[in-house]
PDB file of N, CA and C in Angstrom:
ATOM      1  N   UNK A   1       0.841  -1.179   0.000  1.00  0.00           N
ATOM      2  CA  UNK A   1       0.000   0.000   0.000  1.00  0.00           C
ATOM      3  C   UNK A   1       0.887   1.243   0.000  1.00  0.00           C
ATOM      4  N   UNK A   2       0.742   2.064  -0.986  1.00  0.00           N
ATOM      5  CA  UNK A   2       1.476   3.327  -1.043  1.00  0.00           C
ATOM      6  C   UNK A   2       0.703   4.389  -0.285  1.00  0.00           C
ATOM      7  N   UNK A   3       1.390   5.063   0.619  1.00  0.00           N
ATOM      8  CA  UNK A   3       0.747   6.084   1.435  1.00  0.00           C
ATOM      9  C   UNK A   3       1.163   7.453   0.927  1.00  0.00           C
ATOM     10  N   UNK A   4       0.165   8.244   0.577  1.00  0.00           N
ATOM     11  CA  UNK A   4       0.431   9.609   0.140  1.00  0.00           C
ATOM     12  C   UNK A   4       0.305  10.546   1.335  1.00  0.00           C
ATOM     13  N   UNK A   5      -0.768  10.389   2.102  1.00  0.00           N
ATOM     14  CA  UNK A   5      -1.010  11.225   3.272  1.00  0.00           C
ATOM     15  C   UNK A   5      -0.618  10.468   4.527  1.00  0.00           C
ATOM     16  N   UNK A   6      -0.116  11.199   5.503  1.00  0.00           N
ATOM     17  CA  UNK A   6       0.145  10.634   6.821  1.00  0.00           C
ATOM     18  C   UNK A   6      -0.582  11.533   7.810  1.00  0.00           C
ATOM     19  N   UNK A   7      -1.779  11.116   8.199  1.00  0.00           N
ATOM     20  CA  UNK A   7      -2.633  11.934   9.043  1.00  0.00           C
ATOM     21  C   UNK A   7      -2.097  12.033  10.460  1.00  0.00           C
ATOM     22  N   UNK A   8      -2.275  13.211  11.063  1.00  0.00           N
ATOM     23  CA  UNK A   8      -1.940  13.360  12.473  1.00  0.00           C
ATOM     24  C   UNK A   8      -3.211  13.144  13.303  1.00  0.00           C
ATOM     25  N   UNK A   9      -3.108  13.246  14.602  1.00  0.00           N
ATOM     26  CA  UNK A   9      -4.248  12.946  15.476  1.00  0.00           C
ATOM     27  C   UNK A   9      -5.399  13.929  15.250  1.00  0.00           C
ATOM     28  N   UNK A  10      -5.109  15.198  15.066  1.00  0.00           N
ATOM     29  CA  UNK A  10      -6.185  16.171  14.828  1.00  0.00           C
ATOM     30  C   UNK A  10      -6.915  15.874  13.517  1.00  0.00           C
ATOM     31  N   UNK A  11      -6.175  15.525  12.486  1.00  0.00           N
ATOM     32  CA  UNK A  11      -6.804  15.159  11.212  1.00  0.00           C
ATOM     33  C   UNK A  11      -7.633  13.878  11.370  1.00  0.00           C
ATOM     34  N   UNK A  12      -7.117  12.927  12.122  1.00  0.00           N
ATOM     35  CA  UNK A  12      -7.856  11.684  12.364  1.00  0.00           C
ATOM     36  C   UNK A  12      -9.160  11.972  13.094  1.00  0.00           C
ATOM     37  N   UNK A  13      -9.121  12.837  14.095  1.00  0.00           N
ATOM     38  CA  UNK A  13     -10.352  13.208  14.823  1.00  0.00           C
ATOM     39  C   UNK A  13     -11.398  13.755  13.862  1.00  0.00           C
ATOM     40  N   UNK A  14     -10.977  14.624  12.968  1.00  0.00           N
ATOM     41  CA  UNK A  14     -11.904  15.233  12.008  1.00  0.00           C
ATOM     42  C   UNK A  14     -12.461  14.180  11.045  1.00  0.00           C
ATOM     43  N   UNK A  15     -11.629  13.281  10.584  1.00  0.00           N
ATOM     44  CA  UNK A  15     -12.078  12.218   9.677  1.00  0.00           C
ATOM     45  C   UNK A  15     -13.069  11.302  10.398  1.00  0.00           C
ATOM     46  N   UNK A  16     -12.752  10.942  11.638  1.00  0.00           N
ATOM     47  CA  UNK A  16     -13.634  10.073  12.423  1.00  0.00           C
ATOM     48  C   UNK A  16     -14.979  10.762  12.647  1.00  0.00           C
ATOM     49  N   UNK A  17     -14.931  12.035  12.984  1.00  0.00           N
ATOM     50  CA  UNK A  17     -16.153  12.795  13.253  1.00  0.00           C
ATOM     51  C   UNK A  17     -17.077  12.824  12.033  1.00  0.00           C
ATOM     52  N   UNK A  18     -16.510  12.815  10.851  1.00  0.00           N
ATOM     53  CA  UNK A  18     -17.288  12.926   9.615  1.00  0.00           C
ATOM     54  C   UNK A  18     -17.373  11.622   8.832  1.00  0.00           C
ATOM     55  N   UNK A  19     -17.062  10.515   9.473  1.00  0.00           N
ATOM     56  CA  UNK A  19     -16.985   9.252   8.725  1.00  0.00           C
ATOM     57  C   UNK A  19     -18.350   8.770   8.266  1.00  0.00           C
ATOM     58  N   UNK A  20     -18.323   8.065   7.164  1.00  0.00           N
ATOM     59  CA  UNK A  20     -19.534   7.438   6.632  1.00  0.00           C
ATOM     60  C   UNK A  20     -19.476   5.959   6.927  1.00  0.00           C
ATOM     61  N   UNK A  21     -19.286   5.176   5.890  1.00  0.00           N
ATOM     62  CA  UNK A  21     -19.181   3.727   6.060  1.00  0.00           C
ATOM     63  C   UNK A  21     -17.849   3.355   6.689  1.00  0.00           C
ATOM     64  N   UNK A  22     -17.887   2.315   7.485  1.00  0.00           N
ATOM     65  CA  UNK A  22     -16.679   1.803   8.128  1.00  0.00           C
ATOM     66  C   UNK A  22     -16.449   0.400   7.604  1.00  0.00           C
ATOM     67  N   UNK A  23     -15.264   0.175   7.065  1.00  0.00           N
ATOM     68  CA  UNK A  23     -14.917  -1.166   6.581  1.00  0.00           C
ATOM     69  C   UNK A  23     -14.373  -1.980   7.744  1.00  0.00           C
ATOM     70  N   UNK A  24     -14.556  -3.280   7.651  1.00  0.00           N
ATOM     71  CA  UNK A  24     -14.098  -4.183   8.699  1.00  0.00           C
ATOM     72  C   UNK A  24     -13.066  -5.135   8.106  1.00  0.00           C
ATOM     73  N   UNK A  25     -11.900  -5.165   8.708  1.00  0.00           N
ATOM     74  CA  UNK A  25     -10.797  -6.023   8.272  1.00  0.00           C
ATOM     75  C   UNK A  25     -11.117  -7.483   8.571  1.00  0.00           C
ATOM     76  N   UNK A  26     -10.643  -8.382   7.720  1.00  0.00           N
ATOM     77  CA  UNK A  26     -10.849  -9.819   7.925  1.00  0.00           C
ATOM     78  C   UNK A  26     -10.294 -10.295   9.255  1.00  0.00           C
ATOM     79  N   UNK A  27      -9.182  -9.720   9.708  1.00  0.00           N
ATOM     80  CA  UNK A  27      -8.593 -10.101  10.991  1.00  0.00           C
ATOM     81  C   UNK A  27      -9.612  -9.930  12.116  1.00  0.00           C
ATOM     82  N   UNK A  28     -10.304  -8.805  12.119  1.00  0.00           N
ATOM     83  CA  UNK A  28     -11.317  -8.573  13.140  1.00  0.00           C
ATOM     84  C   UNK A  28     -12.430  -9.610  13.019  1.00  0.00           C
ATOM     85  N   UNK A  29     -12.914  -9.828  11.808  1.00  0.00           N
ATOM     86  CA  UNK A  29     -14.019 -10.766  11.607  1.00  0.00           C
ATOM     87  C   UNK A  29     -13.642 -12.182  12.021  1.00  0.00           C
ATOM     88  N   UNK A  30     -12.385 -12.560  11.809  1.00  0.00           N
ATOM     89  CA  UNK A  30     -11.926 -13.898  12.184  1.00  0.00           C
ATOM     90  C   UNK A  30     -11.858 -14.082  13.697  1.00  0.00           C
ATOM     91  N   UNK A  31     -11.715 -12.996  14.442  1.00  0.00           N
ATOM     92  CA  UNK A  31     -11.475 -13.091  15.884  1.00  0.00           C
ATOM     93  C   UNK A  31     -12.528 -12.419  16.755  1.00  0.00           C
ATOM     94  N   UNK A  32     -13.609 -11.929  16.179  1.00  0.00           N
ATOM     95  CA  UNK A  32     -14.557 -11.122  16.954  1.00  0.00           C
ATOM     96  C   UNK A  32     -15.210 -11.884  18.092  1.00  0.00           C
ATOM     97  N   UNK A  33     -15.508 -13.143  17.901  1.00  0.00           N
ATOM     98  CA  UNK A  33     -16.194 -13.894  18.947  1.00  0.00           C
ATOM     99  C   UNK A  33     -15.315 -14.054  20.185  1.00  0.00           C
ATOM    100  N   UNK A  34     -14.032 -14.320  19.986  1.00  0.00           N
ATOM    101  CA  UNK A  34     -13.103 -14.491  21.104  1.00  0.00           C
ATOM    102  C   UNK A  34     -12.896 -13.192  21.875  1.00  0.00           C
ATOM    103  N   UNK A  35     -12.995 -12.087  21.188  1.00  0.00           N
ATOM    104  CA  UNK A  35     -12.678 -10.795  21.803  1.00  0.00           C
ATOM    105  C   UNK A  35     -13.855 -10.186  22.540  1.00  0.00           C
ATOM    106  N   UNK A  36     -15.051 -10.675  22.285  1.00  0.00           N
ATOM    107  CA  UNK A  36     -16.223 -10.207  23.025  1.00  0.00           C
ATOM    108  C   UNK A  36     -16.643  -8.786  22.713  1.00  0.00           C
ATOM    109  N   UNK A  37     -16.391  -8.321  21.515  1.00  0.00           N
ATOM    110  CA  UNK A  37     -16.826  -6.972  21.152  1.00  0.00           C
ATOM    111  C   UNK A  37     -17.772  -7.065  19.958  1.00  0.00           C
ATOM    112  N   UNK A  38     -18.917  -6.438  20.091  1.00  0.00           N
ATOM    113  CA  UNK A  38     -19.928  -6.491  19.048  1.00  0.00           C
ATOM    114  C   UNK A  38     -19.647  -5.443  17.982  1.00  0.00           C
ATOM    115  N   UNK A  39     -19.811  -5.835  16.753  1.00  0.00           N
ATOM    116  CA  UNK A  39     -19.567  -4.937  15.632  1.00  0.00           C
ATOM    117  C   UNK A  39     -20.451  -3.689  15.721  1.00  0.00           C
ATOM    118  N   UNK A  40     -21.692  -3.858  16.114  1.00  0.00           N
ATOM    119  CA  UNK A  40     -22.600  -2.708  16.193  1.00  0.00           C
ATOM    120  C   UNK A  40     -22.112  -1.690  17.235  1.00  0.00           C
ATOM    121  N   UNK A  41     -21.562  -2.183  18.361  1.00  0.00           N
ATOM    122  CA  UNK A  41     -21.051  -1.264  19.374  1.00  0.00           C
ATOM    123  C   UNK A  41     -19.777  -0.564  18.885  1.00  0.00           C
ATOM    124  N   UNK A  42     -18.945  -1.283  18.163  1.00  0.00           N
ATOM    125  CA  UNK A  42     -17.727  -0.677  17.603  1.00  0.00           C
ATOM    126  C   UNK A  42     -18.096   0.448  16.647  1.00  0.00           C
ATOM    127  N   UNK A  43     -19.035   0.198  15.773  1.00  0.00           N
ATOM    128  CA  UNK A  43     -19.480   1.236  14.832  1.00  0.00           C
ATOM    129  C   UNK A  43     -20.117   2.403  15.577  1.00  0.00           C
ATOM    130  N   UNK A  44     -20.914   2.109  16.603  1.00  0.00           N
ATOM    131  CA  UNK A  44     -21.527   3.168  17.400  1.00  0.00           C
ATOM    132  C   UNK A  44     -20.457   4.046  18.055  1.00  0.00           C
ATOM    133  N   UNK A  45     -19.428   3.406  18.603  1.00  0.00           N
ATOM    134  CA  UNK A  45     -18.343   4.165  19.232  1.00  0.00           C
ATOM    135  C   UNK A  45     -17.690   5.107  18.232  1.00  0.00           C
ATOM    136  N   UNK A  46     -17.296   4.564  17.093  1.00  0.00           N
ATOM    137  CA  UNK A  46     -16.575   5.373  16.106  1.00  0.00           C
ATOM    138  C   UNK A  46     -17.440   6.517  15.590  1.00  0.00           C
ATOM    139  N   UNK A  47     -18.698   6.228  15.325  1.00  0.00           N
ATOM    140  CA  UNK A  47     -19.565   7.239  14.719  1.00  0.00           C
ATOM    141  C   UNK A  47     -20.174   8.220  15.715  1.00  0.00           C
ATOM    142  N   UNK A  48     -20.417   7.769  16.964  1.00  0.00           N
ATOM    143  CA  UNK A  48     -21.230   8.595  17.865  1.00  0.00           C
ATOM    144  C   UNK A  48     -20.613   8.933  19.209  1.00  0.00           C
ATOM    145  N   UNK A  49     -19.507   8.347  19.572  1.00  0.00           N
ATOM    146  CA  UNK A  49     -18.946   8.577  20.904  1.00  0.00           C
ATOM    147  C   UNK A  49     -17.591   9.285  20.802  1.00  0.00           C
ATOM    148  N   UNK A  50     -17.306  10.052  21.810  1.00  0.00           N
ATOM    149  CA  UNK A  50     -16.006  10.707  21.906  1.00  0.00           C
ATOM    150  C   UNK A  50     -15.052   9.714  22.577  1.00  0.00           C
ATOM    151  N   UNK A  51     -13.930   9.404  21.943  1.00  0.00           N
ATOM    152  CA  UNK A  51     -13.003   8.450  22.563  1.00  0.00           C
ATOM    153  C   UNK A  51     -12.359   9.018  23.817  1.00  0.00           C
ATOM    154  N   UNK A  52     -12.030   8.121  24.742  1.00  0.00           N
ATOM    155  CA  UNK A  52     -11.294   8.515  25.940  1.00  0.00           C
ATOM    156  C   UNK A  52      -9.882   8.946  25.569  1.00  0.00           C
ATOM    157  N   UNK A  53      -9.352   8.343  24.497  1.00  0.00           N
ATOM    158  CA  UNK A  53      -8.011   8.683  24.010  1.00  0.00           C
ATOM    159  C   UNK A  53      -7.881   8.238  22.567  1.00  0.00           C
ATOM    160  N   UNK A  54      -6.997   8.932  21.858  1.00  0.00           N
ATOM    161  CA  UNK A  54      -6.589   8.541  20.506  1.00  0.00           C
ATOM    162  C   UNK A  54      -5.073   8.544  20.502  1.00  0.00           C
ATOM    163  N   UNK A  55      -4.499   7.424  20.062  1.00  0.00           N
ATOM    164  CA  UNK A  55      -3.042   7.296  20.008  1.00  0.00           C
ATOM    165  C   UNK A  55      -2.660   6.887  18.594  1.00  0.00           C
ATOM    166  N   UNK A  56      -1.706   7.605  18.034  1.00  0.00           N
ATOM    167  CA  UNK A  56      -1.199   7.217  16.716  1.00  0.00           C
ATOM    168  C   UNK A  56      -0.169   6.120  16.918  1.00  0.00           C
ATOM    169  N   UNK A  57      -0.369   4.978  16.250  1.00  0.00           N
ATOM    170  CA  UNK A  57       0.525   3.838  16.447  1.00  0.00           C
ATOM    171  C   UNK A  57       1.502   3.648  15.295  1.00  0.00           C
ATOM    172  N   UNK A  58       1.147   4.117  14.114  1.00  0.00           N
ATOM    173  CA  UNK A  58       2.024   4.091  12.938  1.00  0.00           C
ATOM    174  C   UNK A  58       1.356   4.942  11.864  1.00  0.00           C
ATOM    175  N   UNK A  59       1.923   4.988  10.663  1.00  0.00           N
ATOM    176  CA  UNK A  59       1.343   5.810   9.601  1.00  0.00           C
ATOM    177  C   UNK A  59      -0.129   5.454   9.399  1.00  0.00           C
ATOM    178  N   UNK A  60      -0.978   6.441   9.610  1.00  0.00           N
ATOM    179  CA  UNK A  60      -2.411   6.334   9.364  1.00  0.00           C
ATOM    180  C   UNK A  60      -3.118   5.247  10.164  1.00  0.00           C
ATOM    181  N   UNK A  61      -2.497   4.771  11.224  1.00  0.00           N
ATOM    182  CA  UNK A  61      -3.115   3.776  12.103  1.00  0.00           C
ATOM    183  C   UNK A  61      -3.230   4.388  13.492  1.00  0.00           C
ATOM    184  N   UNK A  62      -4.419   4.220  14.082  1.00  0.00           N
ATOM    185  CA  UNK A  62      -4.716   4.854  15.358  1.00  0.00           C
ATOM    186  C   UNK A  62      -5.401   3.875  16.290  1.00  0.00           C
ATOM    187  N   UNK A  63      -5.106   4.023  17.581  1.00  0.00           N
ATOM    188  CA  UNK A  63      -5.788   3.255  18.619  1.00  0.00           C
ATOM    189  C   UNK A  63      -6.794   4.199  19.267  1.00  0.00           C
ATOM    190  N   UNK A  64      -8.070   3.822  19.208  1.00  0.00           N
ATOM    191  CA  UNK A  64      -9.137   4.583  19.836  1.00  0.00           C
ATOM    192  C   UNK A  64      -9.540   3.834  21.097  1.00  0.00           C
ATOM    193  N   UNK A  65      -9.686   4.546  22.189  1.00  0.00           N
ATOM    194  CA  UNK A  65     -10.038   3.906  23.455  1.00  0.00           C
ATOM    195  C   UNK A  65     -11.401   4.432  23.910  1.00  0.00           C
ATOM    196  N   UNK A  66     -12.309   3.486  24.180  1.00  0.00           N
ATOM    197  CA  UNK A  66     -13.660   3.791  24.639  1.00  0.00           C
ATOM    198  C   UNK A  66     -13.955   2.961  25.885  1.00  0.00           C
ATOM    199  N   UNK A  67     -14.999   3.347  26.619  1.00  0.00           N
ATOM    200  CA  UNK A  67     -15.479   2.493  27.699  1.00  0.00           C
ATOM    201  C   UNK A  67     -16.075   1.241  27.069  1.00  0.00           C
ATOM    202  N   UNK A  68     -15.836   0.094  27.678  1.00  0.00           N
ATOM    203  CA  UNK A  68     -16.437  -1.153  27.193  1.00  0.00           C
ATOM    204  C   UNK A  68     -17.909  -1.152  27.578  1.00  0.00           C
ATOM    205  N   UNK A  69     -18.759  -1.630  26.708  1.00  0.00           N
ATOM    206  CA  UNK A  69     -20.193  -1.585  26.976  1.00  0.00           C
ATOM    207  C   UNK A  69     -20.684  -2.703  27.893  1.00  0.00           C
ATOM    208  N   UNK A  70     -19.909  -3.778  28.078  1.00  0.00           N
ATOM    209  CA  UNK A  70     -20.378  -4.904  28.885  1.00  0.00           C
ATOM    210  C   UNK A  70     -19.467  -5.226  30.066  1.00  0.00           C
ATOM    211  N   UNK A  71     -18.215  -4.867  29.966  1.00  0.00           N
ATOM    212  CA  UNK A  71     -17.254  -5.194  31.015  1.00  0.00           C
ATOM    213  C   UNK A  71     -16.898  -3.908  31.751  1.00  0.00           C
ATOM    214  N   UNK A  72     -17.420  -3.769  32.956  1.00  0.00           N
ATOM    215  CA  UNK A  72     -17.351  -2.529  33.712  1.00  0.00           C
ATOM    216  C   UNK A  72     -15.931  -2.011  33.926  1.00  0.00           C
ATOM    217  N   UNK A  73     -14.987  -2.875  34.226  1.00  0.00           N
ATOM    218  CA  UNK A  73     -13.617  -2.448  34.527  1.00  0.00           C
ATOM    219  C   UNK A  73     -12.693  -2.507  33.307  1.00  0.00           C
ATOM    220  N   UNK A  74     -13.277  -2.612  32.117  1.00  0.00           N
ATOM    221  CA  UNK A  74     -12.474  -2.685  30.899  1.00  0.00           C
ATOM    222  C   UNK A  74     -12.743  -1.510  29.981  1.00  0.00           C
ATOM    223  N   UNK A  75     -11.750  -1.195  29.194  1.00  0.00           N
ATOM    224  CA  UNK A  75     -11.893  -0.290  28.063  1.00  0.00           C
ATOM    225  C   UNK A  75     -11.982  -1.136  26.815  1.00  0.00           C
ATOM    226  N   UNK A  76     -12.446  -0.524  25.748  1.00  0.00           N
ATOM    227  CA  UNK A  76     -12.451  -1.172  24.447  1.00  0.00           C
ATOM    228  C   UNK A  76     -11.441  -0.452  23.575  1.00  0.00           C
ATOM    229  N   UNK A  77     -10.443  -1.175  23.112  1.00  0.00           N
ATOM    230  CA  UNK A  77      -9.442  -0.624  22.202  1.00  0.00           C
ATOM    231  C   UNK A  77      -9.865  -0.976  20.785  1.00  0.00           C
ATOM    232  N   UNK A  78      -9.982   0.025  19.950  1.00  0.00           N
ATOM    233  CA  UNK A  78     -10.325  -0.175  18.547  1.00  0.00           C
ATOM    234  C   UNK A  78      -9.161   0.368  17.721  1.00  0.00           C
ATOM    235  N   UNK A  79      -8.557  -0.506  16.937  1.00  0.00           N
ATOM    236  CA  UNK A  79      -7.448  -0.104  16.074  1.00  0.00           C
ATOM    237  C   UNK A  79      -8.014   0.137  14.680  1.00  0.00           C
ATOM    238  N   UNK A  80      -7.816   1.356  14.179  1.00  0.00           N
ATOM    239  CA  UNK A  80      -8.320   1.706  12.852  1.00  0.00           C
ATOM    240  C   UNK A  80      -7.183   2.149  11.957  1.00  0.00           C
ATOM    241  N   UNK A  81      -7.441   2.063  10.670  1.00  0.00           N
ATOM    242  CA  UNK A  81      -6.529   2.614   9.682  1.00  0.00           C
ATOM    243  C   UNK A  81      -7.341   3.527   8.775  1.00  0.00           C
ATOM    244  N   UNK A  82      -6.768   4.657   8.416  1.00  0.00           N
ATOM    245  CA  UNK A  82      -7.431   5.620   7.536  1.00  0.00           C
ATOM    246  C   UNK A  82      -6.653   5.655   6.228  1.00  0.00           C
ATOM    247  N   UNK A  83      -7.345   5.394   5.130  1.00  0.00           N
ATOM    248  CA  UNK A  83      -6.635   5.401   3.843  1.00  0.00           C
ATOM    249  C   UNK A  83      -6.611   6.814   3.249  1.00  0.00           C
ATOM    250  N   UNK A  84      -5.979   6.943   2.103  1.00  0.00           N
ATOM    251  CA  UNK A  84      -5.818   8.255   1.479  1.00  0.00           C
ATOM    252  C   UNK A  84      -7.146   8.892   1.077  1.00  0.00           C
ATOM    253  N   UNK A  85      -8.195   8.087   0.949  1.00  0.00           N
ATOM    254  CA  UNK A  85      -9.530   8.608   0.623  1.00  0.00           C
ATOM    255  C   UNK A  85     -10.350   8.915   1.872  1.00  0.00           C
ATOM    256  N   UNK A  86      -9.685   8.898   3.026  1.00  0.00           N
ATOM    257  CA  UNK A  86     -10.304   9.189   4.323  1.00  0.00           C
ATOM    258  C   UNK A  86     -11.353   8.146   4.707  1.00  0.00           C
ATOM    259  N   UNK A  87     -11.174   6.922   4.244  1.00  0.00           N
ATOM    260  CA  UNK A  87     -12.050   5.821   4.621  1.00  0.00           C
ATOM    261  C   UNK A  87     -11.439   5.118   5.826  1.00  0.00           C
ATOM    262  N   UNK A  88     -12.309   4.722   6.754  1.00  0.00           N
ATOM    263  CA  UNK A  88     -11.872   4.084   7.993  1.00  0.00           C
ATOM    264  C   UNK A  88     -12.060   2.579   7.885  1.00  0.00           C
ATOM    265  N   UNK A  89     -11.028   1.858   8.289  1.00  0.00           N
ATOM    266  CA  UNK A  89     -11.104   0.404   8.345  1.00  0.00           C
ATOM    267  C   UNK A  89     -10.748  -0.033   9.763  1.00  0.00           C
ATOM    268  N   UNK A  90     -11.611  -0.858  10.363  1.00  0.00           N
ATOM    269  CA  UNK A  90     -11.324  -1.418  11.672  1.00  0.00           C
ATOM    270  C   UNK A  90     -10.383  -2.594  11.468  1.00  0.00           C
ATOM    271  N   UNK A  91      -9.191  -2.501  12.046  1.00  0.00           N
ATOM    272  CA  UNK A  91      -8.201  -3.566  11.950  1.00  0.00           C
ATOM    273  C   UNK A  91      -8.487  -4.634  12.995  1.00  0.00           C
ATOM    274  N   UNK A  92      -8.715  -4.195  14.220  1.00  0.00           N
ATOM    275  CA  UNK A  92      -9.042  -5.120  15.303  1.00  0.00           C
ATOM    276  C   UNK A  92      -9.677  -4.340  16.445  1.00  0.00           C
ATOM    277  N   UNK A  93     -10.256  -5.061  17.371  1.00  0.00           N
ATOM    278  CA  UNK A  93     -10.820  -4.458  18.582  1.00  0.00           C
ATOM    279  C   UNK A  93     -10.722  -5.494  19.688  1.00  0.00           C
ATOM    280  N   UNK A  94     -10.409  -5.010  20.889  1.00  0.00           N
ATOM    281  CA  UNK A  94     -10.257  -5.942  22.001  1.00  0.00           C
ATOM    282  C   UNK A  94     -10.426  -5.203  23.326  1.00  0.00           C
ATOM    283  N   UNK A  95     -10.888  -5.926  24.352  1.00  0.00           N
ATOM    284  CA  UNK A  95     -11.016  -5.313  25.676  1.00  0.00           C
ATOM    285  C   UNK A  95      -9.663  -5.291  26.376  1.00  0.00           C
ATOM    286  N   UNK A  96      -9.489  -4.308  27.246  1.00  0.00           N
ATOM    287  CA  UNK A  96      -8.275  -4.216  28.036  1.00  0.00           C
ATOM    288  C   UNK A  96      -8.635  -3.554  29.351  1.00  0.00           C
ATOM    289  N   UNK A  97      -8.020  -3.994  30.417  1.00  0.00           N
ATOM    290  CA  UNK A  97      -8.313  -3.470  31.742  1.00  0.00           C
ATOM    291  C   UNK A  97      -8.096  -1.958  31.775  1.00  0.00           C
ATOM    292  N   UNK A  98      -9.074  -1.241  32.321  1.00  0.00           N
ATOM    293  CA  UNK A  98      -8.991   0.226  32.353  1.00  0.00           C
ATOM    294  C   UNK A  98      -7.845   0.742  33.218  1.00  0.00           C
ATOM    295  N   UNK A  99      -7.318  -0.087  34.111  1.00  0.00           N
ATOM    296  CA  UNK A  99      -6.203   0.340  34.958  1.00  0.00           C
ATOM    297  C   UNK A  99      -5.021   0.824  34.135  1.00  0.00           C
ATOM    298  N   UNK A 100      -4.805   0.231  32.983  1.00  0.00           N
ATOM    299  CA  UNK A 100      -3.682   0.634  32.131  1.00  0.00           C
ATOM    300  C   UNK A 100      -3.842   2.086  31.695  1.00  0.00           C
ATOM    301  N   UNK A 101      -5.023   2.441  31.234  1.00  0.00           N
ATOM    302  CA  UNK A 101      -5.269   3.814  30.794  1.00  0.00           C
ATOM    303  C   UNK A 101      -5.159   4.781  31.964  1.00  0.00           C
ATOM    304  N   UNK A 102      -5.697   4.400  33.101  1.00  0.00           N
ATOM    305  CA  UNK A 102      -5.662   5.275  34.276  1.00  0.00           C
ATOM    306  C   UNK A 102      -4.234   5.488  34.768  1.00  0.00           C
ATOM    307  N   UNK A 103      -3.404   4.438  34.743  1.00  0.00           N
ATOM    308  CA  UNK A 103      -1.987   4.579  35.150  1.00  0.00           C
ATOM    309  C   UNK A 103      -1.251   5.490  34.185  1.00  0.00           C
ATOM    310  N   UNK A 104      -1.527   5.331  32.876  1.00  0.00           N
ATOM    311  CA  UNK A 104      -0.862   6.184  31.886  1.00  0.00           C
ATOM    312  C   UNK A 104      -1.254   7.643  32.080  1.00  0.00           C
ATOM    313  N   UNK A 105      -2.505   7.889  32.409  1.00  0.00           N
ATOM    314  CA  UNK A 105      -2.965   9.260  32.622  1.00  0.00           C
ATOM    315  C   UNK A 105      -2.298   9.870  33.850  1.00  0.00           C
ATOM    316  N   UNK A 106      -2.151   9.068  34.907  1.00  0.00           N
ATOM    317  CA  UNK A 106      -1.510   9.557  36.135  1.00  0.00           C
ATOM    318  C   UNK A 106      -0.044   9.891  35.916  1.00  0.00           C
ATOM    319  N   UNK A 107       0.612   9.197  35.010  1.00  0.00           N
ATOM    320  CA  UNK A 107       2.040   9.435  34.790  1.00  0.00           C
ATOM    321  C   UNK A 107       2.298  10.681  33.937  1.00  0.00           C
ATOM    322  N   UNK A 108       1.247  11.257  33.360  1.00  0.00           N
ATOM    323  CA  UNK A 108       1.432  12.467  32.538  1.00  0.00           C
ATOM    324  C   UNK A 108       1.608  13.678  33.353  1.00  0.00           C
TER     325      UNK A 108
END
């Protein structure tokens, strides 16, 4: 994949805020049952919720962190990639203990 644009976090926020259709990567579809995250909730988060955090992990790939809808002490990490046409693809999603996010926030 040739990358022309390399979006920063502010650009990613704007793209996410205005996103239309969200593509789902085969990796996510192959593992969704084990991870316990519903596709409808993932789409709802991306389209309608403000993330607790956005972290750029590599060129045009971002980790979005939301509250998990079923596991009280967990966050939901959604890894997305934004292509040059500003289309969002969910690479994977998985729950993670919220303590990690809270410790990272305290260390700032």
